[in-house]
Amino acid sequence: MKLDQFLERLCTSSGVSGREHLVSSVVSDLFTSGEARGWATEIRSDALGNLVIRKAGSSPSAPKVMFAAHMDEIGLIVTEVKDQFVRFDSVGGIDVRVLLGQEVVVHGRRDVPGIIGAKPPHIQDENERNSSVKIEDMAIDTGLPADELAAQVSVGDFISIKRDLTALRNSHWSGKALDDRAGVAALIECLRRLEGYSHAADVYCVATVQEEVGLRGALVSAFGIDPDVGIAIDVTHGSMPGLDDSEAYELGKGPVLAIGPQVHPRVLERLKAAADEAGVRYQTEPSPNPRGTDTYAIQMVRDGVPTGLVSIPLKYMHTSVETVCLKDIQETGRLLAQFVISLDSDFVEGLKCCFKS
């Protein structure tokens, strides 16, 4: 399957934080169907729902490298079913200003399509017209009569935004959940590129759950794997109106390597060296706040893990029209593959000595 086709399947699947099983199935089916059967040694899910894809290394004392990209997306949850309408609240960091007019799917006893509506401007008072609509003033209309709606939808049902993945010009793609299904696609691209290569390290590509509500999947999976090196693959802000060049990164110019307290200096050096060896163009980003990605969770498990963060530039984060360049995903996968090929036990041992006087 081509990368853009796989990305489309990922992004059009529902996977609100805590309900990622459909996305997990898309990834695991790629391997069980035979399309990617030779790319992995083992595939398993843990108790929280993380999908762990392992590719064994050639060394009996192989170091373990963990790549993590979260497969959950922001979404909604039903708080009330009243008359013909569904009230809701957010799961994860949704900007409520972009919700009005969205198509959604309510995942009740069966999937129920709906739209998010609110009082139109014609009948709003002056204060309402001059402010954004609050989430408590919105409602989902499914078209069902009250009794049938109540039979299909209950409080606590999850709701996902309905949006196709749209091809734009210059290898740009736009849709929902590219944060961070783009990272998941980069993991698969890495495994594809490793096919046929001999590498010492054991590779664990983890599609993590519940990142958007507290990095929970990465914490659990990193504890179970106990990696020697851990790298999160996520997204960062792409260049767009309203952002200075110092705050955003250009689409189509390669992955972004973070520099900050959550990034081990020797892991960063090796990532840069791997990029140079593979001819991958990259950008760098100062990242003073370590808490925003799976990197933080991986770094903090057990007695600490040397970590890095590789990001894919993305416009319009946490909306249903997130936009990435497919070339950046491909180049991220190529960088990760070269990083794996370059790893050996001596490098891992050197990480433990980095901060000694």
Foldseek 3Di string as FASTA:
>chain_A
DDLVVLLQLLQQDAAAFQRHVSNVCSVVCCCVVPVCVLLFDDWDADPSGKIKTKHAADAPPAAAEEEEAASHFKFWFFADQDFQWTAIDIRFDADVLQQAFFWKWWPWQHTFIWHKHADDPVPDDPVPVVDGDDSRRIITGRPDGSVVCVVTHDGGTIMHTRWGWDDDPPQKIWFGRVFPVLSVSLQVLLSVVCRPPHFRHMYIYIHFGDLRPFLVRLLVVLQVVVGLEYEYEGAAAADDPPDDPLRHHHFPQAKEWEDEPLAQVLLSVLLVVLCVVLVTGYHYHYDHDPRNGNSVSNQPPDPGHHYIYIHFHWHPPNHGTIMHRSVRSNSSSSSVNSSRRPDDPVSSVVSVCPPPD
